Amino acid sequence: MLARKGVWGTLLLFAIVMSGIHGGAFTPTEAAGIAARGAFLIALIRGALTWRIFLGVLADSARTTAILFTVLIGALIILNFVNRAGLPDGLLALVTGNDLSPLMVIAIIIAIYIVLGCVFESLSMLLLTIPVFFPVVKELSYAGLGSEQILVWFGIVAVVVTEISLITPPVGLNVFVLSGEVKDVSTGTIFKGVTPFWCADILRLTVIVAIPAISLYLPRLFYH
């Protein structure tokens, strides 16, 4: 009976979170908090939450929060150094001085994200790279996009390529994290399992880069 209640509670929680996000009741970040509170209540109702488990959850949460803040503070320090060193301006001068086409510049940026995905997680990658690539992309005359449109489009591209880089071989950070959690499944098997997904993601990325209007359709509706 308790297991059945737990299943129905989980389905109800999923329905609340997804309907709230798509209905505009709360943001995905707020939905994470609602989901965490709902999962806590479900665990209490099922009697699956002991003091030992509860303290372990608190310790894991504190550890994760400390890691994220360490990454954030470190990224801010590095970004301050990068800006003072003039790297964004130097990169922009390098691009304009070598007369690179906008498509070639985008391809180079995507390649950099793929490489960084081998050693960084998504938050670190975005915090470290967006301020550097921002002025370069803003000055590109790509596919007739305005300065605001191209930044929105580049934000979409950056998120997509970042997620791709985290699951692609030979080193996909998310794959190794999953491999560490699932001890009885080899890393090679996991890579084989995610291959259709990153292949589909690369196809999606190609379409977004080739036809920016597709990814900008919804933003334009909200803008108007």
N, C-alpha and C. Protein backbone atom coordinates (compact mmCIF):
# COMPACT_ATOMS: atom_id res chain seq x y z
N MET A 1 0.83 -1.20 0.00
CA MET A 1 0.00 0.00 0.00
C MET A 1 0.86 1.26 0.00
N LEU A 2 1.89 1.27 0.87
CA LEU A 2 2.77 2.45 0.93
C LEU A 2 3.53 2.63 -0.37
N ALA A 3 3.95 1.51 -0.97
CA ALA A 3 4.67 1.60 -2.24
C ALA A 3 3.77 2.17 -3.33
N ARG A 4 2.49 1.74 -3.33
CA ARG A 4 1.55 2.27 -4.31
C ARG A 4 1.32 3.75 -4.10
N LYS A 5 1.19 4.16 -2.84
CA LYS A 5 1.04 5.59 -2.55
C LYS A 5 2.25 6.38 -3.01
N GLY A 6 3.44 5.76 -2.84
CA GLY A 6 4.65 6.44 -3.26
C GLY A 6 4.69 6.65 -4.76
N VAL A 7 4.22 5.64 -5.53
CA VAL A 7 4.18 5.76 -6.99
C VAL A 7 3.21 6.85 -7.41
N TRP A 8 2.01 6.83 -6.83
CA TRP A 8 1.03 7.84 -7.18
C TRP A 8 1.49 9.23 -6.74
N GLY A 9 2.15 9.30 -5.61
CA GLY A 9 2.68 10.58 -5.16
C GLY A 9 3.74 11.12 -6.09
N THR A 10 4.60 10.23 -6.57
CA THR A 10 5.64 10.64 -7.51
C THR A 10 5.05 11.14 -8.82
N LEU A 11 4.04 10.42 -9.33
CA LEU A 11 3.37 10.84 -10.57
C LEU A 11 2.67 12.18 -10.38
N LEU A 12 2.05 12.36 -9.21
CA LEU A 12 1.38 13.63 -8.93
C LEU A 12 2.39 14.77 -8.87
N LEU A 13 3.52 14.51 -8.22
CA LEU A 13 4.57 15.52 -8.12
C LEU A 13 5.10 15.89 -9.50
N PHE A 14 5.31 14.87 -10.34
CA PHE A 14 5.77 15.12 -11.71
C PHE A 14 4.77 15.99 -12.47
N ALA A 15 3.48 15.65 -12.33
CA ALA A 15 2.44 16.41 -13.03
C ALA A 15 2.40 17.86 -12.55
N ILE A 16 2.55 18.07 -11.25
CA ILE A 16 2.52 19.43 -10.70
C ILE A 16 3.70 20.24 -11.21
N VAL A 17 4.89 19.64 -11.19
CA VAL A 17 6.09 20.35 -11.62
C VAL A 17 6.03 20.71 -13.11
N MET A 18 5.69 19.72 -13.94
CA MET A 18 5.67 19.97 -15.38
C MET A 18 4.56 20.95 -15.78
N SER A 19 3.38 20.78 -15.20
CA SER A 19 2.28 21.71 -15.52
C SER A 19 2.58 23.11 -15.02
N GLY A 20 3.25 23.19 -13.87
CA GLY A 20 3.60 24.51 -13.35
C GLY A 20 4.61 25.23 -14.22
N ILE A 21 5.60 24.49 -14.74
CA ILE A 21 6.61 25.09 -15.61
C ILE A 21 5.98 25.55 -16.92
N HIS A 22 5.24 24.63 -17.58
CA HIS A 22 4.65 24.96 -18.88
C HIS A 22 3.49 25.94 -18.75
N GLY A 23 2.84 25.97 -17.59
CA GLY A 23 1.75 26.92 -17.40
C GLY A 23 2.20 28.28 -16.94
N GLY A 24 3.50 28.43 -16.65
CA GLY A 24 4.04 29.72 -16.24
C GLY A 24 3.83 30.04 -14.77
N ALA A 25 3.44 29.03 -13.97
CA ALA A 25 3.23 29.28 -12.54
C ALA A 25 4.54 29.52 -11.81
N PHE A 26 5.60 28.85 -12.26
CA PHE A 26 6.91 29.06 -11.65
C PHE A 26 7.99 28.69 -12.66
N THR A 27 9.21 29.16 -12.39
CA THR A 27 10.34 28.92 -13.27
C THR A 27 10.91 27.52 -13.01
N PRO A 28 11.75 27.01 -13.92
CA PRO A 28 12.39 25.70 -13.67
C PRO A 28 13.19 25.67 -12.38
N THR A 29 13.83 26.79 -12.03
CA THR A 29 14.59 26.83 -10.78
C THR A 29 13.66 26.70 -9.58
N GLU A 30 12.55 27.42 -9.61
CA GLU A 30 11.57 27.31 -8.53
C GLU A 30 10.94 25.92 -8.51
N ALA A 31 10.77 25.33 -9.69
CA ALA A 31 10.21 23.98 -9.78
C ALA A 31 11.11 22.96 -9.08
N ALA A 32 12.42 23.19 -9.15
CA ALA A 32 13.35 22.28 -8.47
C ALA A 32 13.11 22.29 -6.96
N GLY A 33 12.87 23.47 -6.40
CA GLY A 33 12.58 23.58 -4.98
C GLY A 33 11.26 22.91 -4.62
N ILE A 34 10.26 23.09 -5.47
CA ILE A 34 8.96 22.46 -5.23
C ILE A 34 9.08 20.93 -5.31
N ALA A 35 9.85 20.46 -6.29
CA ALA A 35 10.05 19.01 -6.42
C ALA A 35 10.78 18.44 -5.22
N ALA A 36 11.78 19.16 -4.72
CA ALA A 36 12.52 18.69 -3.55
C ALA A 36 11.62 18.62 -2.33
N ARG A 37 10.78 19.63 -2.15
CA ARG A 37 9.86 19.61 -1.00
C ARG A 37 8.84 18.49 -1.15
N GLY A 38 8.35 18.30 -2.37
CA GLY A 38 7.39 17.22 -2.60
C GLY A 38 8.00 15.85 -2.35
N ALA A 39 9.25 15.65 -2.82
CA ALA A 39 9.92 14.37 -2.59
C ALA A 39 10.14 14.14 -1.09
N PHE A 40 10.44 15.21 -0.37
CA PHE A 40 10.62 15.10 1.09
C PHE A 40 9.32 14.64 1.76
N LEU A 41 8.20 15.21 1.33
CA LEU A 41 6.91 14.83 1.92
C LEU A 41 6.55 13.39 1.56
N ILE A 42 6.85 12.98 0.33
CA ILE A 42 6.56 11.60 -0.08
C ILE A 42 7.37 10.62 0.75
N ALA A 43 8.65 10.96 0.99
CA ALA A 43 9.50 10.09 1.81
C ALA A 43 8.98 10.00 3.24
N LEU A 44 8.47 11.12 3.77
CA LEU A 44 7.91 11.10 5.12
C LEU A 44 6.67 10.21 5.18
N ILE A 45 5.80 10.35 4.19
CA ILE A 45 4.55 9.58 4.18
C ILE A 45 4.85 8.08 4.07
N ARG A 46 5.84 7.74 3.28
CA ARG A 46 6.19 6.32 3.11
C ARG A 46 6.99 5.77 4.29
N GLY A 47 7.47 6.65 5.16
CA GLY A 47 8.28 6.21 6.28
C GLY A 47 9.68 5.78 5.88
N ALA A 48 10.13 6.26 4.73
CA ALA A 48 11.44 5.87 4.22
C ALA A 48 12.54 6.83 4.64
N LEU A 49 12.19 7.88 5.37
CA LEU A 49 13.17 8.90 5.74
C LEU A 49 13.53 8.75 7.22
N THR A 50 14.67 8.18 7.48
CA THR A 50 15.17 8.07 8.85
C THR A 50 16.10 9.25 9.14
N TRP A 51 16.46 9.40 10.41
CA TRP A 51 17.37 10.49 10.78
C TRP A 51 18.73 10.31 10.12
N ARG A 52 19.17 9.08 9.98
CA ARG A 52 20.46 8.82 9.34
C ARG A 52 20.45 9.25 7.87
N ILE A 53 19.37 8.88 7.18
CA ILE A 53 19.24 9.28 5.78
C ILE A 53 19.10 10.79 5.66
N PHE A 54 18.31 11.39 6.55
CA PHE A 54 18.09 12.83 6.52
C PHE A 54 19.40 13.60 6.72
N LEU A 55 20.20 13.17 7.68
CA LEU A 55 21.49 13.83 7.91
C LEU A 55 22.44 13.63 6.73
N GLY A 56 22.36 12.44 6.11
CA GLY A 56 23.18 12.19 4.93
C GLY A 56 22.79 13.10 3.78
N VAL A 57 21.48 13.32 3.61
CA VAL A 57 21.00 14.22 2.56
C VAL A 57 21.48 15.64 2.81
N LEU A 58 21.39 16.08 4.07
CA LEU A 58 21.86 17.43 4.41
C LEU A 58 23.36 17.57 4.13
N ALA A 59 24.13 16.55 4.47
CA ALA A 59 25.58 16.59 4.23
C ALA A 59 25.89 16.65 2.74
N ASP A 60 25.18 15.84 1.95
CA ASP A 60 25.38 15.86 0.50
C ASP A 60 24.99 17.22 -0.09
N SER A 61 23.91 17.78 0.39
CA SER A 61 23.46 19.09 -0.10
C SER A 61 24.47 20.18 0.23
N ALA A 62 25.00 20.13 1.46
CA ALA A 62 26.01 21.12 1.86
C ALA A 62 27.27 20.97 1.02
N ARG A 63 27.66 19.72 0.76
CA ARG A 63 28.86 19.47 -0.05
C ARG A 63 28.67 19.99 -1.48
N THR A 64 27.51 19.70 -2.07
CA THR A 64 27.24 20.15 -3.43
C THR A 64 27.18 21.67 -3.51
N THR A 65 26.53 22.29 -2.52
CA THR A 65 26.44 23.75 -2.50
C THR A 65 27.82 24.38 -2.38
N ALA A 66 28.67 23.80 -1.53
CA ALA A 66 30.03 24.33 -1.37
C ALA A 66 30.82 24.21 -2.66
N ILE A 67 30.64 23.09 -3.38
CA ILE A 67 31.35 22.91 -4.65
C ILE A 67 30.89 23.94 -5.67
N LEU A 68 29.57 24.15 -5.75
CA LEU A 68 29.04 25.11 -6.72
C LEU A 68 29.50 26.53 -6.43
N PHE A 69 29.50 26.90 -5.15
CA PHE A 69 29.96 28.24 -4.81
C PHE A 69 31.46 28.39 -5.05
N THR A 70 32.22 27.34 -4.84
CA THR A 70 33.65 27.38 -5.14
C THR A 70 33.88 27.61 -6.62
N VAL A 71 33.11 26.89 -7.45
CA VAL A 71 33.21 27.08 -8.90
C VAL A 71 32.81 28.49 -9.29
N LEU A 72 31.72 28.98 -8.70
CA LEU A 72 31.23 30.32 -9.03
C LEU A 72 32.23 31.40 -8.64
N ILE A 73 32.76 31.31 -7.42
CA ILE A 73 33.73 32.31 -6.96
C ILE A 73 35.00 32.25 -7.80
N GLY A 74 35.47 31.02 -8.07
CA GLY A 74 36.66 30.89 -8.92
C GLY A 74 36.44 31.44 -10.31
N ALA A 75 35.25 31.19 -10.88
CA ALA A 75 34.95 31.71 -12.21
C ALA A 75 34.92 33.23 -12.23
N LEU A 76 34.35 33.83 -11.19
CA LEU A 76 34.31 35.29 -11.12
C LEU A 76 35.71 35.88 -11.01
N ILE A 77 36.58 35.24 -10.25
CA ILE A 77 37.97 35.71 -10.13
C ILE A 77 38.68 35.62 -11.49
N ILE A 78 38.50 34.48 -12.17
CA ILE A 78 39.15 34.31 -13.48
C ILE A 78 38.59 35.29 -14.50
N LEU A 79 37.27 35.51 -14.47
CA LEU A 79 36.66 36.44 -15.41
C LEU A 79 37.16 37.85 -15.19
N ASN A 80 37.35 38.24 -13.94
CA ASN A 80 37.89 39.57 -13.65
C ASN A 80 39.30 39.70 -14.22
N PHE A 81 40.10 38.65 -14.07
CA PHE A 81 41.45 38.66 -14.63
C PHE A 81 41.41 38.72 -16.16
N VAL A 82 40.51 37.92 -16.76
CA VAL A 82 40.40 37.88 -18.23
C VAL A 82 40.00 39.23 -18.78
N ASN A 83 39.04 39.90 -18.13
CA ASN A 83 38.60 41.21 -18.60
C ASN A 83 39.70 42.26 -18.45
N ARG A 84 40.41 42.22 -17.33
CA ARG A 84 41.49 43.18 -17.12
C ARG A 84 42.65 42.94 -18.08
N ALA A 85 42.84 41.68 -18.46
CA ALA A 85 43.91 41.37 -19.41
C ALA A 85 43.53 41.71 -20.85
N GLY A 86 42.27 42.02 -21.08
CA GLY A 86 41.84 42.41 -22.41
C GLY A 86 41.66 41.26 -23.38
N LEU A 87 41.42 40.05 -22.85
CA LEU A 87 41.28 38.89 -23.73
C LEU A 87 40.09 39.00 -24.68
N PRO A 88 38.90 39.43 -24.23
CA PRO A 88 37.78 39.55 -25.18
C PRO A 88 38.09 40.49 -26.34
N ASP A 89 38.67 41.65 -26.02
CA ASP A 89 39.01 42.61 -27.08
C ASP A 89 40.09 42.04 -28.00
N GLY A 90 41.06 41.34 -27.42
CA GLY A 90 42.11 40.73 -28.22
C GLY A 90 41.56 39.65 -29.14
N LEU A 91 40.61 38.87 -28.63
CA LEU A 91 40.00 37.83 -29.44
C LEU A 91 39.19 38.42 -30.58
N LEU A 92 38.48 39.51 -30.29
CA LEU A 92 37.72 40.19 -31.33
C LEU A 92 38.64 40.75 -32.40
N ALA A 93 39.76 41.34 -31.99
CA ALA A 93 40.72 41.87 -32.96
C ALA A 93 41.33 40.75 -33.80
N LEU A 94 41.55 39.59 -33.19
CA LEU A 94 42.10 38.44 -33.92
C LEU A 94 41.12 37.96 -34.99
N VAL A 95 39.85 37.92 -34.64
CA VAL A 95 38.84 37.45 -35.60
C VAL A 95 38.71 38.43 -36.76
N THR A 96 38.60 39.72 -36.44
CA THR A 96 38.43 40.72 -37.50
C THR A 96 39.70 40.89 -38.33
N GLY A 97 40.87 40.73 -37.70
CA GLY A 97 42.13 40.89 -38.41
C GLY A 97 42.41 39.78 -39.40
N ASN A 98 41.92 38.56 -39.12
CA ASN A 98 42.15 37.43 -40.01
C ASN A 98 41.01 37.22 -41.00
N ASP A 99 40.03 38.12 -40.97
CA ASP A 99 38.93 38.09 -41.93
C ASP A 99 38.23 36.72 -41.96
N LEU A 100 37.95 36.19 -40.78
CA LEU A 100 37.25 34.92 -40.69
C LEU A 100 35.76 35.12 -40.93
N SER A 101 35.13 34.18 -41.60
CA SER A 101 33.70 34.27 -41.86
C SER A 101 32.94 34.00 -40.56
N PRO A 102 31.74 34.56 -40.42
CA PRO A 102 30.96 34.32 -39.20
C PRO A 102 30.72 32.84 -38.93
N LEU A 103 30.45 32.07 -39.98
CA LEU A 103 30.22 30.64 -39.80
C LEU A 103 31.47 29.93 -39.27
N MET A 104 32.64 30.35 -39.74
CA MET A 104 33.89 29.75 -39.27
C MET A 104 34.13 30.07 -37.80
N VAL A 105 33.81 31.30 -37.41
CA VAL A 105 33.96 31.70 -36.01
C VAL A 105 33.04 30.87 -35.12
N ILE A 106 31.79 30.69 -35.54
CA ILE A 106 30.85 29.87 -34.77
C ILE A 106 31.34 28.44 -34.68
N ALA A 107 31.88 27.91 -35.78
CA ALA A 107 32.38 26.53 -35.78
C ALA A 107 33.55 26.37 -34.81
N ILE A 108 34.44 27.37 -34.75
CA ILE A 108 35.57 27.32 -33.83
C ILE A 108 35.08 27.35 -32.38
N ILE A 109 34.09 28.21 -32.09
CA ILE A 109 33.54 28.29 -30.74
C ILE A 109 32.90 26.97 -30.33
N ILE A 110 32.16 26.35 -31.24
CA ILE A 110 31.53 25.06 -30.96
C ILE A 110 32.58 24.00 -30.68
N ALA A 111 33.67 24.01 -31.47
CA ALA A 111 34.75 23.04 -31.25
C ALA A 111 35.40 23.24 -29.88
N ILE A 112 35.55 24.49 -29.46
CA ILE A 112 36.12 24.79 -28.14
C ILE A 112 35.23 24.23 -27.04
N TYR A 113 33.90 24.38 -27.19
CA TYR A 113 32.97 23.85 -26.20
C TYR A 113 33.05 22.33 -26.13
N ILE A 114 33.19 21.68 -27.28
CA ILE A 114 33.28 20.22 -27.30
C ILE A 114 34.51 19.76 -26.53
N VAL A 115 35.64 20.46 -26.73
CA VAL A 115 36.88 20.09 -26.03
C VAL A 115 36.75 20.37 -24.53
N LEU A 116 36.19 21.52 -24.17
CA LEU A 116 36.06 21.86 -22.76
C LEU A 116 35.13 20.90 -22.03
N GLY A 117 34.18 20.31 -22.76
CA GLY A 117 33.26 19.36 -22.14
C GLY A 117 33.95 18.11 -21.63
N CYS A 118 35.20 17.89 -22.08
CA CYS A 118 35.95 16.73 -21.60
C CYS A 118 36.43 16.91 -20.16
N VAL A 119 36.57 18.15 -19.72
CA VAL A 119 37.16 18.38 -18.40
C VAL A 119 36.32 19.27 -17.50
N PHE A 120 35.33 19.96 -18.04
CA PHE A 120 34.51 20.87 -17.24
C PHE A 120 33.07 20.41 -17.23
N GLU A 121 32.34 20.77 -16.18
CA GLU A 121 30.91 20.58 -16.20
C GLU A 121 30.25 21.85 -16.77
N SER A 122 28.95 21.76 -17.05
CA SER A 122 28.28 22.79 -17.84
C SER A 122 28.33 24.18 -17.20
N LEU A 123 28.10 24.27 -15.89
CA LEU A 123 28.09 25.58 -15.23
C LEU A 123 29.44 26.26 -15.36
N SER A 124 30.52 25.53 -15.11
CA SER A 124 31.86 26.11 -15.22
C SER A 124 32.15 26.56 -16.63
N MET A 125 31.76 25.76 -17.61
CA MET A 125 32.00 26.11 -19.01
C MET A 125 31.31 27.41 -19.39
N LEU A 126 30.05 27.53 -19.02
CA LEU A 126 29.30 28.72 -19.40
C LEU A 126 29.82 29.96 -18.68
N LEU A 127 30.14 29.82 -17.40
CA LEU A 127 30.64 30.96 -16.64
C LEU A 127 31.98 31.46 -17.17
N LEU A 128 32.81 30.54 -17.64
CA LEU A 128 34.15 30.90 -18.09
C LEU A 128 34.18 31.39 -19.54
N THR A 129 33.27 30.91 -20.36
CA THR A 129 33.38 31.19 -21.79
C THR A 129 32.44 32.28 -22.31
N ILE A 130 31.24 32.37 -21.77
CA ILE A 130 30.28 33.34 -22.29
C ILE A 130 30.81 34.77 -22.27
N PRO A 131 31.41 35.24 -21.15
CA PRO A 131 31.94 36.61 -21.16
C PRO A 131 33.06 36.82 -22.18
N VAL A 132 33.78 35.76 -22.53
CA VAL A 132 34.87 35.88 -23.51
C VAL A 132 34.31 35.92 -24.93
N PHE A 133 33.34 35.03 -25.21
CA PHE A 133 32.79 34.95 -26.56
C PHE A 133 31.72 36.00 -26.83
N PHE A 134 31.17 36.59 -25.78
CA PHE A 134 30.07 37.54 -25.91
C PHE A 134 30.39 38.69 -26.87
N PRO A 135 31.49 39.44 -26.68
CA PRO A 135 31.75 40.56 -27.59
C PRO A 135 32.05 40.13 -29.01
N VAL A 136 32.63 38.94 -29.17
CA VAL A 136 32.94 38.44 -30.51
C VAL A 136 31.66 38.13 -31.27
N VAL A 137 30.77 37.38 -30.63
CA VAL A 137 29.52 36.99 -31.29
C VAL A 137 28.65 38.21 -31.56
N LYS A 138 28.66 39.17 -30.66
CA LYS A 138 27.82 40.36 -30.81
C LYS A 138 28.16 41.14 -32.08
N GLU A 139 29.43 41.10 -32.49
CA GLU A 139 29.87 41.86 -33.67
C GLU A 139 29.75 41.06 -34.96
N LEU A 140 29.33 39.80 -34.88
CA LEU A 140 29.20 38.99 -36.09
C LEU A 140 27.94 39.37 -36.87
N SER A 141 28.07 39.42 -38.15
CA SER A 141 26.91 39.63 -39.02
C SER A 141 26.51 38.27 -39.59
N TYR A 142 25.80 37.51 -38.77
CA TYR A 142 25.50 36.13 -39.15
C TYR A 142 24.02 35.99 -39.49
N ALA A 143 23.75 35.52 -40.68
CA ALA A 143 22.39 35.20 -41.14
C ALA A 143 21.43 36.37 -41.00
N GLY A 144 21.96 37.58 -41.09
CA GLY A 144 21.10 38.76 -41.03
C GLY A 144 20.50 39.04 -39.66
N LEU A 145 21.08 38.47 -38.60
CA LEU A 145 20.55 38.67 -37.25
C LEU A 145 21.05 39.99 -36.68
N GLY A 146 20.18 40.66 -35.93
CA GLY A 146 20.58 41.87 -35.22
C GLY A 146 21.42 41.53 -34.00
N SER A 147 21.95 42.55 -33.34
CA SER A 147 22.84 42.33 -32.20
C SER A 147 22.13 41.62 -31.06
N GLU A 148 20.86 41.94 -30.80
CA GLU A 148 20.11 41.28 -29.73
C GLU A 148 19.71 39.87 -30.14
N GLN A 149 19.29 39.71 -31.38
CA GLN A 149 18.86 38.40 -31.85
C GLN A 149 20.00 37.40 -31.85
N ILE A 150 21.17 37.84 -32.28
CA ILE A 150 22.29 36.90 -32.37
C ILE A 150 22.76 36.47 -30.98
N LEU A 151 22.59 37.34 -29.98
CA LEU A 151 22.98 36.95 -28.62
C LEU A 151 22.01 35.92 -28.05
N VAL A 152 20.72 36.10 -28.32
CA VAL A 152 19.74 35.10 -27.89
C VAL A 152 20.01 33.77 -28.59
N TRP A 153 20.26 33.85 -29.89
CA TRP A 153 20.55 32.64 -30.66
C TRP A 153 21.82 31.96 -30.16
N PHE A 154 22.85 32.74 -29.87
CA PHE A 154 24.09 32.15 -29.39
C PHE A 154 23.91 31.51 -28.01
N GLY A 155 23.06 32.10 -27.19
CA GLY A 155 22.77 31.49 -25.89
C GLY A 155 22.16 30.10 -26.05
N ILE A 156 21.25 29.96 -27.02
CA ILE A 156 20.65 28.66 -27.30
C ILE A 156 21.70 27.68 -27.81
N VAL A 157 22.55 28.14 -28.72
CA VAL A 157 23.61 27.29 -29.28
C VAL A 157 24.56 26.85 -28.17
N ALA A 158 24.94 27.77 -27.29
CA ALA A 158 25.88 27.45 -26.22
C ALA A 158 25.33 26.39 -25.29
N VAL A 159 24.05 26.49 -24.94
CA VAL A 159 23.43 25.49 -24.06
C VAL A 159 23.39 24.13 -24.75
N VAL A 160 23.01 24.11 -26.01
CA VAL A 160 22.91 22.83 -26.74
C VAL A 160 24.27 22.17 -26.87
N VAL A 161 25.28 22.94 -27.29
CA VAL A 161 26.60 22.34 -27.51
C VAL A 161 27.26 21.96 -26.19
N THR A 162 26.94 22.67 -25.12
CA THR A 162 27.48 22.30 -23.82
C THR A 162 26.94 20.95 -23.37
N GLU A 163 25.65 20.75 -23.54
CA GLU A 163 25.07 19.46 -23.17
C GLU A 163 25.59 18.33 -24.04
N ILE A 164 25.84 18.62 -25.32
CA ILE A 164 26.41 17.60 -26.20
C ILE A 164 27.80 17.19 -25.72
N SER A 165 28.60 18.18 -25.35
CA SER A 165 29.99 17.91 -24.96
C SER A 165 30.09 17.05 -23.72
N LEU A 166 29.04 17.04 -22.90
CA LEU A 166 29.08 16.29 -21.65
C LEU A 166 28.74 14.81 -21.81
N ILE A 167 28.30 14.40 -23.01
CA ILE A 167 27.97 12.99 -23.20
C ILE A 167 28.69 12.37 -24.38
N THR A 168 29.55 13.14 -25.05
CA THR A 168 30.23 12.60 -26.23
C THR A 168 31.55 11.93 -25.84
N PRO A 169 31.90 10.83 -26.52
CA PRO A 169 33.20 10.19 -26.28
C PRO A 169 34.31 11.03 -26.90
N PRO A 170 35.57 10.87 -26.50
CA PRO A 170 36.05 9.82 -25.59
C PRO A 170 35.89 10.17 -24.11
N VAL A 171 35.68 11.44 -23.80
CA VAL A 171 35.53 11.83 -22.40
C VAL A 171 34.27 12.66 -22.26
N GLY A 172 33.21 12.04 -21.76
CA GLY A 172 31.97 12.75 -21.47
C GLY A 172 31.75 12.75 -19.97
N LEU A 173 31.79 13.92 -19.36
CA LEU A 173 31.76 14.00 -17.90
C LEU A 173 30.52 13.33 -17.33
N ASN A 174 29.36 13.57 -17.92
CA ASN A 174 28.12 12.98 -17.39
C ASN A 174 28.13 11.46 -17.48
N VAL A 175 28.78 10.95 -18.51
CA VAL A 175 28.85 9.49 -18.68
C VAL A 175 29.66 8.86 -17.55
N PHE A 176 30.76 9.50 -17.19
CA PHE A 176 31.60 8.95 -16.12
C PHE A 176 30.93 9.12 -14.75
N VAL A 177 30.17 10.19 -14.58
CA VAL A 177 29.40 10.34 -13.35
C VAL A 177 28.38 9.22 -13.22
N LEU A 178 27.68 8.93 -14.32
CA LEU A 178 26.70 7.85 -14.32
C LEU A 178 27.38 6.50 -14.11
N SER A 179 28.55 6.33 -14.73
CA SER A 179 29.29 5.08 -14.57
C SER A 179 29.70 4.85 -13.12
N GLY A 180 30.02 5.95 -12.41
CA GLY A 180 30.37 5.83 -11.00
C GLY A 180 29.20 5.45 -10.13
N GLU A 181 27.98 5.83 -10.55
CA GLU A 181 26.80 5.52 -9.77
C GLU A 181 26.27 4.12 -10.08
N VAL A 182 26.40 3.70 -11.33
CA VAL A 182 25.90 2.38 -11.75
C VAL A 182 27.11 1.46 -11.92
N LYS A 183 27.46 0.77 -10.86
CA LYS A 183 28.70 0.00 -10.82
C LYS A 183 28.66 -1.22 -11.74
N ASP A 184 27.48 -1.79 -11.95
CA ASP A 184 27.41 -3.04 -12.71
C ASP A 184 27.29 -2.83 -14.22
N VAL A 185 27.35 -1.57 -14.69
CA VAL A 185 27.30 -1.27 -16.12
C VAL A 185 28.61 -0.61 -16.53
N SER A 186 29.25 -1.14 -17.56
CA SER A 186 30.54 -0.62 -17.99
C SER A 186 30.38 0.74 -18.67
N THR A 187 31.49 1.51 -18.67
CA THR A 187 31.47 2.82 -19.31
C THR A 187 31.21 2.70 -20.80
N GLY A 188 31.79 1.67 -21.43
CA GLY A 188 31.56 1.46 -22.85
C GLY A 188 30.11 1.23 -23.18
N THR A 189 29.42 0.49 -22.33
CA THR A 189 27.99 0.24 -22.54
C THR A 189 27.19 1.54 -22.42
N ILE A 190 27.56 2.37 -21.46
CA ILE A 190 26.86 3.65 -21.29
C ILE A 190 27.09 4.54 -22.50
N PHE A 191 28.34 4.58 -23.00
CA PHE A 191 28.62 5.37 -24.20
C PHE A 191 27.79 4.89 -25.39
N LYS A 192 27.67 3.57 -25.52
CA LYS A 192 26.85 3.03 -26.61
C LYS A 192 25.39 3.44 -26.44
N GLY A 193 24.94 3.46 -25.19
CA GLY A 193 23.55 3.83 -24.92
C GLY A 193 23.24 5.28 -25.23
N VAL A 194 24.20 6.18 -25.00
CA VAL A 194 23.94 7.60 -25.23
C VAL A 194 24.28 8.03 -26.65
N THR A 195 24.88 7.15 -27.44
CA THR A 195 25.27 7.52 -28.81
C THR A 195 24.11 8.03 -29.65
N PRO A 196 22.94 7.36 -29.67
CA PRO A 196 21.83 7.91 -30.47
C PRO A 196 21.41 9.30 -30.03
N PHE A 197 21.56 9.60 -28.74
CA PHE A 197 21.13 10.89 -28.22
C PHE A 197 22.06 12.01 -28.67
N TRP A 198 23.42 11.79 -28.56
CA TRP A 198 24.29 12.88 -28.97
C TRP A 198 24.35 13.01 -30.49
N CYS A 199 24.07 11.92 -31.21
CA CYS A 199 23.97 12.03 -32.67
C CYS A 199 22.76 12.89 -33.05
N ALA A 200 21.63 12.65 -32.36
CA ALA A 200 20.44 13.47 -32.61
C ALA A 200 20.67 14.92 -32.19
N ASP A 201 21.43 15.12 -31.09
CA ASP A 201 21.73 16.47 -30.65
C ASP A 201 22.61 17.21 -31.65
N ILE A 202 23.57 16.51 -32.25
CA ILE A 202 24.42 17.14 -33.25
C ILE A 202 23.60 17.53 -34.48
N LEU A 203 22.66 16.68 -34.86
CA LEU A 203 21.76 17.02 -35.97
C LEU A 203 20.93 18.24 -35.62
N ARG A 204 20.43 18.29 -34.39
CA ARG A 204 19.66 19.45 -33.94
C ARG A 204 20.52 20.70 -33.94
N LEU A 205 21.76 20.58 -33.47
CA LEU A 205 22.67 21.73 -33.45
C LEU A 205 22.95 22.22 -34.87
N THR A 206 23.13 21.30 -35.80
CA THR A 206 23.37 21.67 -37.20
C THR A 206 22.20 22.47 -37.76
N VAL A 207 21.00 22.05 -37.44
CA VAL A 207 19.81 22.76 -37.92
C VAL A 207 19.72 24.14 -37.30
N ILE A 208 20.02 24.23 -35.99
CA ILE A 208 19.95 25.53 -35.31
C ILE A 208 20.98 26.51 -35.88
N VAL A 209 22.18 26.01 -36.17
CA VAL A 209 23.23 26.87 -36.72
C VAL A 209 22.91 27.26 -38.16
N ALA A 210 22.41 26.32 -38.94
CA ALA A 210 22.12 26.59 -40.35
C ALA A 210 20.89 27.47 -40.53
N ILE A 211 19.90 27.29 -39.66
CA ILE A 211 18.64 28.06 -39.79
C ILE A 211 18.31 28.68 -38.43
N PRO A 212 18.92 29.80 -38.08
CA PRO A 212 18.69 30.42 -36.76
C PRO A 212 17.24 30.77 -36.49
N ALA A 213 16.46 31.01 -37.55
CA ALA A 213 15.07 31.42 -37.35
C ALA A 213 14.26 30.37 -36.61
N ILE A 214 14.65 29.10 -36.72
CA ILE A 214 13.91 28.03 -36.04
C ILE A 214 14.01 28.19 -34.53
N SER A 215 15.21 28.42 -34.02
CA SER A 215 15.40 28.55 -32.58
C SER A 215 14.91 29.90 -32.06
N LEU A 216 14.73 30.87 -32.93
CA LEU A 216 14.30 32.21 -32.51
C LEU A 216 12.79 32.42 -32.67
N TYR A 217 12.08 31.39 -33.11
CA TYR A 217 10.65 31.56 -33.36
C TYR A 217 9.89 31.91 -32.08
N LEU A 218 10.07 31.09 -31.04
CA LEU A 218 9.37 31.36 -29.78
C LEU A 218 9.85 32.63 -29.11
N PRO A 219 11.17 32.90 -29.01
CA PRO A 219 11.61 34.18 -28.43
C PRO A 219 11.01 35.39 -29.12
N ARG A 220 10.86 35.32 -30.45
CA ARG A 220 10.26 36.44 -31.17
C ARG A 220 8.78 36.62 -30.82
N LEU A 221 8.09 35.52 -30.59
CA LEU A 221 6.68 35.63 -30.19
C LEU A 221 6.55 36.31 -28.84
N PHE A 222 7.44 35.94 -27.88
CA PHE A 222 7.40 36.58 -26.55
C PHE A 222 7.85 38.03 -26.63
N TYR A 223 8.78 38.32 -27.53
CA TYR A 223 9.31 39.68 -27.64
C TYR A 223 8.25 40.63 -28.15
N HIS A 224 7.46 40.14 -29.12
CA HIS A 224 6.41 40.99 -29.69
C HIS A 224 5.17 40.99 -28.80
